[in-house]
Structures are given as C-alpha cells and as structure tokens.
PDB file of N, CA and C in Angstrom:
ATOM      1  N   MET A   1      97.231 171.372  42.129  1.00  0.00           N
ATOM      2  CA  MET A   1      98.605 170.897  42.061  1.00  0.00           C
ATOM      3  C   MET A   1      98.691 169.403  42.371  1.00  0.00           C
ATOM      4  N   THR A   2      97.912 168.941  43.318  1.00  0.00           N
ATOM      5  CA  THR A   2      97.893 167.537  43.690  1.00  0.00           C
ATOM      6  C   THR A   2      97.403 166.687  42.530  1.00  0.00           C
ATOM      7  N   ALA A   3      96.439 167.197  41.790  1.00  0.00           N
ATOM      8  CA  ALA A   3      95.901 166.463  40.635  1.00  0.00           C
ATOM      9  C   ALA A   3      96.978 166.276  39.572  1.00  0.00           C
ATOM     10  N   VAL A   4      97.795 167.277  39.357  1.00  0.00           N
ATOM     11  CA  VAL A   4      98.868 167.194  38.363  1.00  0.00           C
ATOM     12  C   VAL A   4      99.883 166.131  38.783  1.00  0.00           C
ATOM     13  N   ILE A   5     100.236 166.109  40.038  1.00  0.00           N
ATOM     14  CA  ILE A   5     101.188 165.113  40.532  1.00  0.00           C
ATOM     15  C   ILE A   5     100.590 163.708  40.418  1.00  0.00           C
ATOM     16  N   PHE A   6      99.286 163.581  40.742  1.00  0.00           N
ATOM     17  CA  PHE A   6      98.616 162.292  40.652  1.00  0.00           C
ATOM     18  C   PHE A   6      98.584 161.793  39.199  1.00  0.00           C
ATOM     19  N   ILE A   7      98.243 162.677  38.267  1.00  0.00           N
ATOM     20  CA  ILE A   7      98.188 162.307  36.846  1.00  0.00           C
ATOM     21  C   ILE A   7      99.576 161.948  36.341  1.00  0.00           C
ATOM     22  N   TYR A   8     100.580 162.697  36.711  1.00  0.00           N
ATOM     23  CA  TYR A   8     101.961 162.423  36.298  1.00  0.00           C
ATOM     24  C   TYR A   8     102.409 161.056  36.822  1.00  0.00           C
ATOM     25  N   THR A   9     102.099 160.757  38.067  1.00  0.00           N
ATOM     26  CA  THR A   9     102.456 159.479  38.655  1.00  0.00           C
ATOM     27  C   THR A   9     101.722 158.334  37.960  1.00  0.00           C
ATOM     28  N   ALA A  10     100.444 158.535  37.656  1.00  0.00           N
ATOM     29  CA  ALA A  10      99.661 157.508  36.961  1.00  0.00           C
ATOM     30  C   ALA A  10     100.225 157.233  35.574  1.00  0.00           C
ATOM     31  N   VAL A  11     100.603 158.278  34.848  1.00  0.00           N
ATOM     32  CA  VAL A  11     101.169 158.116  33.501  1.00  0.00           C
ATOM     33  C   VAL A  11     102.478 157.338  33.572  1.00  0.00           C
ATOM     34  N   LEU A  12     103.317 157.682  34.517  1.00  0.00           N
ATOM     35  CA  LEU A  12     104.594 156.969  34.665  1.00  0.00           C
ATOM     36  C   LEU A  12     104.374 155.512  35.040  1.00  0.00           C
ATOM     37  N   THR A  13     103.414 155.246  35.899  1.00  0.00           N
ATOM     38  CA  THR A  13     103.123 153.874  36.306  1.00  0.00           C
ATOM     39  C   THR A  13     102.625 153.046  35.130  1.00  0.00           C
ATOM     40  N   VAL A  14     101.724 153.597  34.343  1.00  0.00           N
ATOM     41  CA  VAL A  14     101.204 152.887  33.175  1.00  0.00           C
ATOM     42  C   VAL A  14     102.320 152.648  32.167  1.00  0.00           C
ATOM     43  N   ARG A  15     103.151 153.644  31.965  1.00  0.00           N
ATOM     44  CA  ARG A  15     104.270 153.493  31.021  1.00  0.00           C
ATOM     45  C   ARG A  15     105.224 152.388  31.476  1.00  0.00           C
ATOM     46  N   ASN A  16     105.524 152.344  32.749  1.00  0.00           N
ATOM     47  CA  ASN A  16     106.402 151.289  33.281  1.00  0.00           C
ATOM     48  C   ASN A  16     105.742 149.927  33.161  1.00  0.00           C
ATOM     49  N   LEU A  17     104.442 149.858  33.362  1.00  0.00           N
ATOM     50  CA  LEU A  17     103.714 148.604  33.235  1.00  0.00           C
ATOM     51  C   LEU A  17     103.770 148.095  31.797  1.00  0.00           C
ATOM     52  N   ILE A  18     103.570 148.991  30.846  1.00  0.00           N
ATOM     53  CA  ILE A  18     103.632 148.605  29.426  1.00  0.00           C
ATOM     54  C   ILE A  18     105.030 148.126  29.070  1.00  0.00           C
ATOM     55  N   THR A  19     106.039 148.817  29.542  1.00  0.00           N
ATOM     56  CA  THR A  19     107.423 148.412  29.281  1.00  0.00           C
ATOM     57  C   THR A  19     107.709 147.040  29.882  1.00  0.00           C
ATOM     58  N   THR A  20     107.215 146.796  31.093  1.00  0.00           N
ATOM     59  CA  THR A  20     107.417 145.512  31.747  1.00  0.00           C
ATOM     60  C   THR A  20     106.760 144.390  30.953  1.00  0.00           C
ATOM     61  N   ILE A  21     105.539 144.616  30.474  1.00  0.00           N
ATOM     62  CA  ILE A  21     104.838 143.594  29.686  1.00  0.00           C
ATOM     63  C   ILE A  21     105.591 143.301  28.401  1.00  0.00           C
ATOM     64  N   LYS A  22     106.079 144.324  27.722  1.00  0.00           N
ATOM     65  CA  LYS A  22     106.851 144.132  26.482  1.00  0.00           C
ATOM     66  C   LYS A  22     108.124 143.343  26.754  1.00  0.00           C
ATOM     67  N   MET A  23     108.806 143.655  27.836  1.00  0.00           N
ATOM     68  CA  MET A  23     110.054 142.965  28.152  1.00  0.00           C
ATOM     69  C   MET A  23     109.798 141.500  28.499  1.00  0.00           C
ATOM     70  N   ARG A  24     108.720 141.212  29.214  1.00  0.00           N
ATOM     71  CA  ARG A  24     108.404 139.821  29.542  1.00  0.00           C
ATOM     72  C   ARG A  24     108.075 139.038  28.280  1.00  0.00           C
ATOM     73  N   HIS A  25     107.367 139.669  27.363  1.00  0.00           N
ATOM     74  CA  HIS A  25     107.054 139.004  26.095  1.00  0.00           C
ATOM     75  C   HIS A  25     108.336 138.714  25.310  1.00  0.00           C
ATOM     76  N   ARG A  26     109.222 139.684  25.281  1.00  0.00           N
ATOM     77  CA  ARG A  26     110.492 139.500  24.565  1.00  0.00           C
ATOM     78  C   ARG A  26     111.331 138.403  25.217  1.00  0.00           C
ATOM     79  N   ILE A  27     111.359 138.380  26.539  1.00  0.00           N
ATOM     80  CA  ILE A  27     112.102 137.332  27.248  1.00  0.00           C
ATOM     81  C   ILE A  27     111.530 135.966  26.909  1.00  0.00           C
ATOM     82  N   SER A  28     110.212 135.881  26.848  1.00  0.00           N
ATOM     83  CA  SER A  28     109.569 134.608  26.511  1.00  0.00           C
ATOM     84  C   SER A  28     109.974 134.145  25.115  1.00  0.00           C
ATOM     85  N   ARG A  29     109.957 135.059  24.151  1.00  0.00           N
ATOM     86  CA  ARG A  29     110.373 134.694  22.791  1.00  0.00           C
ATOM     87  C   ARG A  29     111.834 134.278  22.748  1.00  0.00           C
ATOM     88  N   LEU A  30     112.684 134.970  23.472  1.00  0.00           N
ATOM     89  CA  LEU A  30     114.106 134.622  23.487  1.00  0.00           C
ATOM     90  C   LEU A  30     114.342 133.259  24.148  1.00  0.00           C
ATOM     91  N   GLU A  31     113.573 132.940  25.179  1.00  0.00           N
ATOM     92  CA  GLU A  31     113.705 131.625  25.805  1.00  0.00           C
ATOM     93  C   GLU A  31     113.269 130.523  24.850  1.00  0.00           C
ATOM     94  N   GLU A  32     112.220 130.776  24.059  1.00  0.00           N
ATOM     95  CA  GLU A  32     111.802 129.802  23.055  1.00  0.00           C
ATOM     96  C   GLU A  32     112.896 129.591  22.013  1.00  0.00           C
ATOM     97  N   GLN A  33     113.510 130.679  21.577  1.00  0.00           N
ATOM     98  CA  GLN A  33     114.614 130.568  20.614  1.00  0.00           C
ATOM     99  C   GLN A  33     115.776 129.803  21.224  1.00  0.00           C
ATOM    100  N   ARG A  34     116.078 130.078  22.475  1.00  0.00           N
ATOM    101  CA  ARG A  34     117.172 129.374  23.158  1.00  0.00           C
ATOM    102  C   ARG A  34     116.911 127.878  23.182  1.00  0.00           C
ATOM    103  N   ASP A  35     115.681 127.495  23.528  1.00  0.00           N
ATOM    104  CA  ASP A  35     115.341 126.080  23.571  1.00  0.00           C
ATOM    105  C   ASP A  35     115.444 125.447  22.189  1.00  0.00           C
ATOM    106  N   HIS A  36     115.016 126.182  21.168  1.00  0.00           N
ATOM    107  CA  HIS A  36     115.107 125.681  19.791  1.00  0.00           C
ATOM    108  C   HIS A  36     116.569 125.440  19.408  1.00  0.00           C
ATOM    109  N   TYR A  37     117.420 126.398  19.693  1.00  0.00           N
ATOM    110  CA  TYR A  37     118.826 126.264  19.310  1.00  0.00           C
ATOM    111  C   TYR A  37     119.540 125.196  20.143  1.00  0.00           C
ATOM    112  N   ARG A  38     119.143 125.021  21.389  1.00  0.00           N
ATOM    113  CA  ARG A  38     119.736 123.940  22.189  1.00  0.00           C
ATOM    114  C   ARG A  38     119.370 122.575  21.611  1.00  0.00           C
ATOM    115  N   ALA A  39     118.117 122.434  21.199  1.00  0.00           N
ATOM    116  CA  ALA A  39     117.689 121.171  20.575  1.00  0.00           C
ATOM    117  C   ALA A  39     118.434 120.953  19.272  1.00  0.00           C
ATOM    118  N   ARG A  40     118.621 122.011  18.519  1.00  0.00           N
ATOM    119  CA  ARG A  40     119.353 121.913  17.248  1.00  0.00           C
ATOM    120  C   ARG A  40     120.808 121.511  17.492  1.00  0.00           C
ATOM    121  N   ILE A  41     121.420 122.060  18.514  1.00  0.00           N
ATOM    122  CA  ILE A  41     122.802 121.716  18.854  1.00  0.00           C
ATOM    123  C   ILE A  41     122.896 120.237  19.220  1.00  0.00           C
ATOM    124  N   GLU A  42     121.915 119.737  19.985  1.00  0.00           N
ATOM    125  CA  GLU A  42     121.923 118.320  20.350  1.00  0.00           C
ATOM    126  C   GLU A  42     121.798 117.431  19.112  1.00  0.00           C
ATOM    127  N   GLU A  43     120.911 117.813  18.173  1.00  0.00           N
ATOM    128  CA  GLU A  43     120.754 117.035  16.944  1.00  0.00           C
ATOM    129  C   GLU A  43     122.045 117.040  16.134  1.00  0.00           C
ATOM    130  N   ASP A  44     122.654 118.212  16.000  1.00  0.00           N
ATOM    131  CA  ASP A  44     123.890 118.307  15.230  1.00  0.00           C
ATOM    132  C   ASP A  44     125.032 117.554  15.894  1.00  0.00           C
ATOM    133  N   SER A  45     125.072 117.575  17.215  1.00  0.00           N
ATOM    134  CA  SER A  45     126.120 116.836  17.927  1.00  0.00           C
ATOM    135  C   SER A  45     125.952 115.335  17.721  1.00  0.00           C
ATOM    136  N   ALA A  46     124.703 114.877  17.746  1.00  0.00           N
ATOM    137  CA  ALA A  46     124.445 113.456  17.506  1.00  0.00           C
ATOM    138  C   ALA A  46     124.844 113.079  16.081  1.00  0.00           C
ATOM    139  N   MET A  47     124.530 113.940  15.119  1.00  0.00           N
ATOM    140  CA  MET A  47     124.904 113.676  13.726  1.00  0.00           C
ATOM    141  C   MET A  47     126.419 113.654  13.589  1.00  0.00           C
ATOM    142  N   LEU A  48     127.103 114.546  14.248  1.00  0.00           N
ATOM    143  CA  LEU A  48     128.566 114.576  14.192  1.00  0.00           C
ATOM    144  C   LEU A  48     129.155 113.294  14.757  1.00  0.00           C
ATOM    145  N   GLU A  49     128.584 112.793  15.837  1.00  0.00           N
ATOM    146  CA  GLU A  49     129.049 111.528  16.411  1.00  0.00           C
ATOM    147  C   GLU A  49     128.870 110.393  15.413  1.00  0.00           C
ATOM    148  N   ARG A  50     127.706 110.340  14.754  1.00  0.00           N
ATOM    149  CA  ARG A  50     127.450 109.263  13.799  1.00  0.00           C
ATOM    150  C   ARG A  50     128.360 109.376  12.579  1.00  0.00           C
ATOM    151  N   LEU A  51     128.720 110.590  12.180  1.00  0.00           N
ATOM    152  CA  LEU A  51     129.585 110.769  11.011  1.00  0.00           C
ATOM    153  C   LEU A  51     131.015 110.298  11.267  1.00  0.00           C
ATOM    154  N   ASN A  52     131.359 110.047  12.511  1.00  0.00           N
ATOM    155  CA  ASN A  52     132.686 109.518  12.827  1.00  0.00           C
ATOM    156  C   ASN A  52     132.839 108.069  12.384  1.00  0.00           C
ATOM    157  N   TYR A  53     131.724 107.371  12.149  1.00  0.00           N
ATOM    158  CA  TYR A  53     131.762 105.983  11.704  1.00  0.00           C
ATOM    159  C   TYR A  53     131.733 105.943  10.178  1.00  0.00           C
ATOM    160  N   ASP A  54     132.678 105.197   9.591  1.00  0.00           N
ATOM    161  CA  ASP A  54     132.824 105.161   8.139  1.00  0.00           C
ATOM    162  C   ASP A  54     131.576 104.651   7.428  1.00  0.00           C
ATOM    163  N   GLU A  55     130.905 103.657   8.002  1.00  0.00           N
ATOM    164  CA  GLU A  55     129.718 103.096   7.351  1.00  0.00           C
ATOM    165  C   GLU A  55     128.621 104.154   7.233  1.00  0.00           C
ATOM    166  N   PHE A  56     128.399 104.877   8.313  1.00  0.00           N
ATOM    167  CA  PHE A  56     127.362 105.906   8.289  1.00  0.00           C
ATOM    168  C   PHE A  56     127.761 107.057   7.376  1.00  0.00           C
ATOM    169  N   LEU A  57     129.040 107.409   7.402  1.00  0.00           N
ATOM    170  CA  LEU A  57     129.523 108.495   6.556  1.00  0.00           C
ATOM    171  C   LEU A  57     129.312 108.169   5.084  1.00  0.00           C
ATOM    172  N   GLU A  58     129.620 106.947   4.685  1.00  0.00           N
ATOM    173  CA  GLU A  58     129.417 106.543   3.298  1.00  0.00           C
ATOM    174  C   GLU A  58     127.927 106.567   2.942  1.00  0.00           C
ATOM    175  N   GLN A  59     127.099 106.035   3.804  1.00  0.00           N
ATOM    176  CA  GLN A  59     125.656 106.021   3.553  1.00  0.00           C
ATOM    177  C   GLN A  59     125.122 107.450   3.458  1.00  0.00           C
ATOM    178  N   TYR A  60     125.559 108.312   4.341  1.00  0.00           N
ATOM    179  CA  TYR A  60     125.112 109.707   4.352  1.00  0.00           C
ATOM    180  C   TYR A  60     125.536 110.425   3.070  1.00  0.00           C
ATOM    181  N   ALA A  61     126.778 110.205   2.648  1.00  0.00           N
ATOM    182  CA  ALA A  61     127.283 110.842   1.428  1.00  0.00           C
ATOM    183  C   ALA A  61     126.517 110.356   0.199  1.00  0.00           C
ATOM    184  N   ARG A  62     126.207 109.084   0.162  1.00  0.00           N
ATOM    185  CA  ARG A  62     125.464 108.534  -0.973  1.00  0.00           C
ATOM    186  C   ARG A  62     124.044 109.100  -1.022  1.00  0.00           C
ATOM    187  N   GLU A  63     123.386 109.127   0.124  1.00  0.00           N
ATOM    188  CA  GLU A  63     122.003 109.582   0.152  1.00  0.00           C
ATOM    189  C   GLU A  63     121.883 111.099  -0.010  1.00  0.00           C
ATOM    190  N   ARG A  64     122.722 111.820   0.646  1.00  0.00           N
ATOM    191  CA  ARG A  64     122.589 113.279   0.683  1.00  0.00           C
ATOM    192  C   ARG A  64     123.186 113.955  -0.547  1.00  0.00           C
ATOM    193  N   PHE A  65     124.342 113.480  -0.980  1.00  0.00           N
ATOM    194  CA  PHE A  65     125.068 114.145  -2.057  1.00  0.00           C
ATOM    195  C   PHE A  65     125.135 113.322  -3.337  1.00  0.00           C
ATOM    196  N   HIS A  66     124.425 112.192  -3.373  1.00  0.00           N
ATOM    197  CA  HIS A  66     124.365 111.322  -4.556  1.00  0.00           C
ATOM    198  C   HIS A  66     125.754 110.925  -5.037  1.00  0.00           C
ATOM    199  N   MET A  67     126.608 110.596  -4.094  1.00  0.00           N
ATOM    200  CA  MET A  67     127.972 110.194  -4.446  1.00  0.00           C
ATOM    201  C   MET A  67     127.983 108.707  -4.794  1.00  0.00           C
ATOM    202  N   GLN A  68     128.974 108.333  -5.591  1.00  0.00           N
ATOM    203  CA  GLN A  68     129.100 106.937  -5.993  1.00  0.00           C
ATOM    204  C   GLN A  68     130.570 106.587  -6.154  1.00  0.00           C
ATOM    205  N   ARG A  69     130.836 105.309  -6.164  1.00  0.00           N
ATOM    206  CA  ARG A  69     132.206 104.849  -6.414  1.00  0.00           C
ATOM    207  C   ARG A  69     132.467 104.919  -7.914  1.00  0.00           C
ATOM    208  N   SER A  70     133.729 104.866  -8.286  1.00  0.00           N
ATOM    209  CA  SER A  70     134.077 105.018  -9.702  1.00  0.00           C
ATOM    210  C   SER A  70     133.619 103.836 -10.558  1.00  0.00           C
ATOM    211  N   ASN A  71     133.424 102.670  -9.980  1.00  0.00           N
ATOM    212  CA  ASN A  71     133.081 101.486 -10.755  1.00  0.00           C
ATOM    213  C   ASN A  71     131.601 101.106 -10.632  1.00  0.00           C
ATOM    214  N   GLU A  72     130.731 102.027 -10.226  1.00  0.00           N
ATOM    215  CA  GLU A  72     129.315 101.679 -10.100  1.00  0.00           C
ATOM    216  C   GLU A  72     128.446 102.782 -10.681  1.00  0.00           C
ATOM    217  N   HIS A  73     127.240 102.382 -11.012  1.00  0.00           N
ATOM    218  CA  HIS A  73     126.260 103.317 -11.555  1.00  0.00           C
ATOM    219  C   HIS A  73     125.100 103.413 -10.569  1.00  0.00           C
ATOM    220  N   ILE A  74     124.654 104.607 -10.325  1.00  0.00           N
ATOM    221  CA  ILE A  74     123.564 104.833  -9.390  1.00  0.00           C
ATOM    222  C   ILE A  74     122.400 105.457 -10.155  1.00  0.00           C
ATOM    223  N   TYR A  75     121.227 104.947  -9.910  1.00  0.00           N
ATOM    224  CA  TYR A  75     120.019 105.495 -10.498  1.00  0.00           C
ATOM    225  C   TYR A  75     119.148 106.054  -9.365  1.00  0.00           C
ATOM    226  N   ILE A  76     118.774 107.297  -9.478  1.00  0.00           N
ATOM    227  CA  ILE A  76     118.005 107.947  -8.442  1.00  0.00           C
ATOM    228  C   ILE A  76     116.542 107.957  -8.867  1.00  0.00           C
ATOM    229  N   VAL A  77     115.709 107.392  -8.027  1.00  0.00           N
ATOM    230  CA  VAL A  77     114.270 107.351  -8.279  1.00  0.00           C
ATOM    231  C   VAL A  77     113.606 108.230  -7.243  1.00  0.00           C
ATOM    232  N   GLU A  78     112.968 109.302  -7.682  1.00  0.00           N
ATOM    233  CA  GLU A  78     112.301 110.207  -6.769  1.00  0.00           C
ATOM    234  C   GLU A  78     110.793 110.021  -6.891  1.00  0.00           C
ATOM    235  N   ASP A  79     110.127 110.167  -5.780  1.00  0.00           N
ATOM    236  CA  ASP A  79     108.665 110.036  -5.780  1.00  0.00           C
ATOM    237  C   ASP A  79     108.020 111.283  -6.342  1.00  0.00           C
TER     238      ASP A  79
END
C-alpha cells in the first residue's frame, strides 16, 4: 500500500513539474511579445509625432504613397 501511495505522489509531482516548466516557457514567450509590442508602440508614437509636421507629412506621402501635386510630374526609379 505504501508503494502505491509513493508512486501516486511521484506521478503527481512529475506532472506538476512538467506543467510548471510549460508555464514558465509560455510566460517567457509572452514577455518577449510584450517587449516587441512596446517597442512597436514607441516607434508608432514617434512616427505620429513626426506626422504632425506638414513638411514631414508631405515627404512621407510622396515617398510612401507616390503622391504628387497637380502641376508636377514624378518619375519613380526603383533599384
């Protein structure tokens, strides 16, 4: 009877250990994702600040969306 209790306790301990290791791994991955998204938020916030200036907004629109004024011609040269 003692052997059965010992084996049952050992199985439960190993199972809890495996669960703990899995949870720590998952927490680590989630912390990495959190850090990634925080960095992304900082980059986007900086871009939003720069877009408040008309000069940067015009430059960004021209480069990103190939926009032009009505009285000019733009030629796009890609490498």
